Amino acid sequence: MRKKRYYLYLDYEENRLVTKSLIRLKNSLLRQGKYTDCIDELILKVVNAPIKR
């Protein structure tokens, strides 16, 4: 069975807010000494995603 895909459409402000929140989460995990690989992948996906106009 295939995994269901979800699409998220963000404008400029929402994209900026999501990116900022992910970076805060990454910094928090780094302080705790936990892995941040999945957060890094999400940040790259959000930053490189096209912005809805």
PDB file of N, CA and C in Angstrom:
ATOM      1  N   MET A   1       0.836  -1.174   0.000  1.00  0.00           N
ATOM      2  CA  MET A   1       0.000   0.000   0.000  1.00  0.00           C
ATOM      3  C   MET A   1       0.887   1.247   0.000  1.00  0.00           C
ATOM      4  N   ARG A   2       0.570   2.192  -0.844  1.00  0.00           N
ATOM      5  CA  ARG A   2       1.361   3.412  -0.949  1.00  0.00           C
ATOM      6  C   ARG A   2       1.011   4.381   0.163  1.00  0.00           C
ATOM      7  N   LYS A   3       2.018   5.148   0.555  1.00  0.00           N
ATOM      8  CA  LYS A   3       1.765   6.168   1.558  1.00  0.00           C
ATOM      9  C   LYS A   3       1.004   7.333   0.926  1.00  0.00           C
ATOM     10  N   LYS A   4       0.112   7.895   1.683  1.00  0.00           N
ATOM     11  CA  LYS A   4      -0.659   9.030   1.202  1.00  0.00           C
ATOM     12  C   LYS A   4       0.192  10.293   1.313  1.00  0.00           C
ATOM     13  N   ARG A   5       0.185  11.123   0.281  1.00  0.00           N
ATOM     14  CA  ARG A   5       0.955  12.353   0.284  1.00  0.00           C
ATOM     15  C   ARG A   5       0.070  13.526   0.663  1.00  0.00           C
ATOM     16  N   TYR A   6       0.668  14.435   1.385  1.00  0.00           N
ATOM     17  CA  TYR A   6      -0.022  15.649   1.780  1.00  0.00           C
ATOM     18  C   TYR A   6       0.739  16.839   1.213  1.00  0.00           C
ATOM     19  N   TYR A   7       0.018  17.836   0.745  1.00  0.00           N
ATOM     20  CA  TYR A   7       0.626  19.039   0.197  1.00  0.00           C
ATOM     21  C   TYR A   7       0.223  20.221   1.056  1.00  0.00           C
ATOM     22  N   LEU A   8       1.161  21.082   1.273  1.00  0.00           N
ATOM     23  CA  LEU A   8       0.949  22.243   2.114  1.00  0.00           C
ATOM     24  C   LEU A   8       1.270  23.485   1.299  1.00  0.00           C
ATOM     25  N   TYR A   9       0.323  24.389   1.172  1.00  0.00           N
ATOM     26  CA  TYR A   9       0.508  25.611   0.399  1.00  0.00           C
ATOM     27  C   TYR A   9       0.672  26.779   1.364  1.00  0.00           C
ATOM     28  N   LEU A  10       1.834  27.436   1.292  1.00  0.00           N
ATOM     29  CA  LEU A  10       2.143  28.525   2.199  1.00  0.00           C
ATOM     30  C   LEU A  10       2.449  29.799   1.425  1.00  0.00           C
ATOM     31  N   ASP A  11       2.049  30.939   1.985  1.00  0.00           N
ATOM     32  CA  ASP A  11       2.480  32.198   1.395  1.00  0.00           C
ATOM     33  C   ASP A  11       3.825  32.583   2.033  1.00  0.00           C
ATOM     34  N   TYR A  12       4.323  33.747   1.685  1.00  0.00           N
ATOM     35  CA  TYR A  12       5.658  34.154   2.129  1.00  0.00           C
ATOM     36  C   TYR A  12       5.767  34.194   3.658  1.00  0.00           C
ATOM     37  N   GLU A  13       4.808  34.820   4.314  1.00  0.00           N
ATOM     38  CA  GLU A  13       4.857  34.956   5.772  1.00  0.00           C
ATOM     39  C   GLU A  13       4.759  33.608   6.474  1.00  0.00           C
ATOM     40  N   GLU A  14       3.878  32.746   6.005  1.00  0.00           N
ATOM     41  CA  GLU A  14       3.733  31.425   6.605  1.00  0.00           C
ATOM     42  C   GLU A  14       5.002  30.599   6.411  1.00  0.00           C
ATOM     43  N   ASN A  15       5.595  30.712   5.226  1.00  0.00           N
ATOM     44  CA  ASN A  15       6.832  29.992   4.938  1.00  0.00           C
ATOM     45  C   ASN A  15       7.941  30.454   5.886  1.00  0.00           C
ATOM     46  N   ARG A  16       8.035  31.742   6.078  1.00  0.00           N
ATOM     47  CA  ARG A  16       9.044  32.303   6.981  1.00  0.00           C
ATOM     48  C   ARG A  16       8.835  31.828   8.418  1.00  0.00           C
ATOM     49  N   LEU A  17       7.583  31.787   8.854  1.00  0.00           N
ATOM     50  CA  LEU A  17       7.259  31.359  10.210  1.00  0.00           C
ATOM     51  C   LEU A  17       7.589  29.887  10.425  1.00  0.00           C
ATOM     52  N   VAL A  18       7.258  29.041   9.452  1.00  0.00           N
ATOM     53  CA  VAL A  18       7.558  27.610   9.556  1.00  0.00           C
ATOM     54  C   VAL A  18       9.069  27.387   9.595  1.00  0.00           C
ATOM     55  N   THR A  19       9.800  28.093   8.741  1.00  0.00           N
ATOM     56  CA  THR A  19      11.261  27.959   8.713  1.00  0.00           C
ATOM     57  C   THR A  19      11.866  28.376  10.048  1.00  0.00           C
ATOM     58  N   LYS A  20      11.407  29.492  10.562  1.00  0.00           N
ATOM     59  CA  LYS A  20      11.914  29.996  11.843  1.00  0.00           C
ATOM     60  C   LYS A  20      11.633  29.000  12.979  1.00  0.00           C
ATOM     61  N   SER A  21      10.445  28.417  12.989  1.00  0.00           N
ATOM     62  CA  SER A  21      10.076  27.448  14.022  1.00  0.00           C
ATOM     63  C   SER A  21      10.913  26.177  13.933  1.00  0.00           C
ATOM     64  N   LEU A  22      11.167  25.716  12.713  1.00  0.00           N
ATOM     65  CA  LEU A  22      11.993  24.525  12.538  1.00  0.00           C
ATOM     66  C   LEU A  22      13.427  24.766  12.998  1.00  0.00           C
ATOM     67  N   ILE A  23      13.944  25.963  12.744  1.00  0.00           N
ATOM     68  CA  ILE A  23      15.308  26.280  13.186  1.00  0.00           C
ATOM     69  C   ILE A  23      15.370  26.332  14.706  1.00  0.00           C
ATOM     70  N   ARG A  24      14.330  26.886  15.333  1.00  0.00           N
ATOM     71  CA  ARG A  24      14.275  26.895  16.808  1.00  0.00           C
ATOM     72  C   ARG A  24      14.232  25.469  17.370  1.00  0.00           C
ATOM     73  N   LEU A  25      13.436  24.611  16.742  1.00  0.00           N
ATOM     74  CA  LEU A  25      13.355  23.217  17.174  1.00  0.00           C
ATOM     75  C   LEU A  25      14.701  22.531  17.021  1.00  0.00           C
ATOM     76  N   LYS A  26      15.378  22.782  15.911  1.00  0.00           N
ATOM     77  CA  LYS A  26      16.699  22.190  15.681  1.00  0.00           C
ATOM     78  C   LYS A  26      17.682  22.637  16.754  1.00  0.00           C
ATOM     79  N   ASN A  27      17.701  23.928  17.071  1.00  0.00           N
ATOM     80  CA  ASN A  27      18.595  24.435  18.104  1.00  0.00           C
ATOM     81  C   ASN A  27      18.301  23.817  19.463  1.00  0.00           C
ATOM     82  N   SER A  28      17.026  23.636  19.746  1.00  0.00           N
ATOM     83  CA  SER A  28      16.628  23.009  21.011  1.00  0.00           C
ATOM     84  C   SER A  28      17.119  21.560  21.088  1.00  0.00           C
ATOM     85  N   LEU A  29      16.958  20.829  19.989  1.00  0.00           N
ATOM     86  CA  LEU A  29      17.413  19.443  19.967  1.00  0.00           C
ATOM     87  C   LEU A  29      18.933  19.355  20.065  1.00  0.00           C
ATOM     88  N   LEU A  30      19.637  20.281  19.444  1.00  0.00           N
ATOM     89  CA  LEU A  30      21.095  20.292  19.536  1.00  0.00           C
ATOM     90  C   LEU A  30      21.558  20.525  20.970  1.00  0.00           C
ATOM     91  N   ARG A  31      20.877  21.425  21.688  1.00  0.00           N
ATOM     92  CA  ARG A  31      21.223  21.680  23.095  1.00  0.00           C
ATOM     93  C   ARG A  31      21.014  20.437  23.948  1.00  0.00           C
ATOM     94  N   GLN A  32      20.008  19.621  23.590  1.00  0.00           N
ATOM     95  CA  GLN A  32      19.718  18.398  24.329  1.00  0.00           C
ATOM     96  C   GLN A  32      20.621  17.242  23.909  1.00  0.00           C
ATOM     97  N   GLY A  33      21.396  17.440  22.856  1.00  0.00           N
ATOM     98  CA  GLY A  33      22.304  16.403  22.376  1.00  0.00           C
ATOM     99  C   GLY A  33      21.614  15.346  21.534  1.00  0.00           C
ATOM    100  N   LYS A  34      20.469  15.681  20.926  1.00  0.00           N
ATOM    101  CA  LYS A  34      19.725  14.725  20.110  1.00  0.00           C
ATOM    102  C   LYS A  34      20.029  14.939  18.634  1.00  0.00           C
ATOM    103  N   TYR A  35      19.680  13.960  17.826  1.00  0.00           N
ATOM    104  CA  TYR A  35      19.907  14.044  16.390  1.00  0.00           C
ATOM    105  C   TYR A  35      18.914  15.001  15.740  1.00  0.00           C
ATOM    106  N   THR A  36      19.374  15.686  14.683  1.00  0.00           N
ATOM    107  CA  THR A  36      18.536  16.667  14.001  1.00  0.00           C
ATOM    108  C   THR A  36      18.419  16.376  12.505  1.00  0.00           C
ATOM    109  N   ASP A  37      18.708  15.161  12.094  1.00  0.00           N
ATOM    110  CA  ASP A  37      18.707  14.819  10.667  1.00  0.00           C
ATOM    111  C   ASP A  37      17.348  15.069  10.015  1.00  0.00           C
ATOM    112  N   CYS A  38      16.280  14.633  10.640  1.00  0.00           N
ATOM    113  CA  CYS A  38      14.958  14.797  10.036  1.00  0.00           C
ATOM    114  C   CYS A  38      14.552  16.270   9.976  1.00  0.00           C
ATOM    115  N   ILE A  39      14.943  17.042  10.984  1.00  0.00           N
ATOM    116  CA  ILE A  39      14.635  18.471  10.985  1.00  0.00           C
ATOM    117  C   ILE A  39      15.408  19.178   9.871  1.00  0.00           C
ATOM    118  N   ASP A  40      16.670  18.760   9.664  1.00  0.00           N
ATOM    119  CA  ASP A  40      17.469  19.340   8.577  1.00  0.00           C
ATOM    120  C   ASP A  40      16.802  19.112   7.226  1.00  0.00           C
ATOM    121  N   GLU A  41      16.289  17.908   7.014  1.00  0.00           N
ATOM    122  CA  GLU A  41      15.610  17.587   5.756  1.00  0.00           C
ATOM    123  C   GLU A  41      14.357  18.441   5.577  1.00  0.00           C
ATOM    124  N   LEU A  42      13.600  18.620   6.649  1.00  0.00           N
ATOM    125  CA  LEU A  42      12.387  19.443   6.576  1.00  0.00           C
ATOM    126  C   LEU A  42      12.711  20.899   6.278  1.00  0.00           C
ATOM    127  N   ILE A  43      13.764  21.417   6.900  1.00  0.00           N
ATOM    128  CA  ILE A  43      14.156  22.805   6.644  1.00  0.00           C
ATOM    129  C   ILE A  43      14.496  22.987   5.171  1.00  0.00           C
ATOM    130  N   LEU A  44      15.247  22.051   4.609  1.00  0.00           N
ATOM    131  CA  LEU A  44      15.603  22.145   3.193  1.00  0.00           C
ATOM    132  C   LEU A  44      14.370  22.089   2.297  1.00  0.00           C
ATOM    133  N   LYS A  45      13.419  21.231   2.631  1.00  0.00           N
ATOM    134  CA  LYS A  45      12.203  21.132   1.827  1.00  0.00           C
ATOM    135  C   LYS A  45      11.379  22.413   1.884  1.00  0.00           C
ATOM    136  N   VAL A  46      11.269  22.987   3.061  1.00  0.00           N
ATOM    137  CA  VAL A  46      10.474  24.213   3.225  1.00  0.00           C
ATOM    138  C   VAL A  46      11.157  25.391   2.532  1.00  0.00           C
ATOM    139  N   VAL A  47      12.474  25.501   2.674  1.00  0.00           N
ATOM    140  CA  VAL A  47      13.184  26.626   2.080  1.00  0.00           C
ATOM    141  C   VAL A  47      13.164  26.552   0.552  1.00  0.00           C
ATOM    142  N   ASN A  48      13.258  25.360  -0.005  1.00  0.00           N
ATOM    143  CA  ASN A  48      13.322  25.200  -1.445  1.00  0.00           C
ATOM    144  C   ASN A  48      11.941  25.080  -2.117  1.00  0.00           C
ATOM    145  N   ALA A  49      10.887  25.061  -1.325  1.00  0.00           N
ATOM    146  CA  ALA A  49       9.540  24.935  -1.879  1.00  0.00           C
ATOM    147  C   ALA A  49       9.100  26.236  -2.550  1.00  0.00           C
ATOM    148  N   PRO A  50       8.325  26.138  -3.637  1.00  0.00           N
ATOM    149  CA  PRO A  50       7.818  27.366  -4.251  1.00  0.00           C
ATOM    150  C   PRO A  50       6.807  28.046  -3.329  1.00  0.00           C
ATOM    151  N   ILE A  51       6.776  29.352  -3.387  1.00  0.00           N
ATOM    152  CA  ILE A  51       5.895  30.129  -2.516  1.00  0.00           C
ATOM    153  C   ILE A  51       4.624  30.500  -3.272  1.00  0.00           C
ATOM    154  N   LYS A  52       3.473  30.285  -2.627  1.00  0.00           N
ATOM    155  CA  LYS A  52       2.178  30.630  -3.218  1.00  0.00           C
ATOM    156  C   LYS A  52       2.023  32.139  -3.255  1.00  0.00           C
ATOM    157  N   ARG A  53       1.595  32.644  -4.378  1.00  0.00           N
ATOM    158  CA  ARG A  53       1.430  34.099  -4.522  1.00  0.00           C
ATOM    159  C   ARG A  53      -0.010  34.477  -4.615  1.00  0.00           C
TER     160      ARG A  53
END
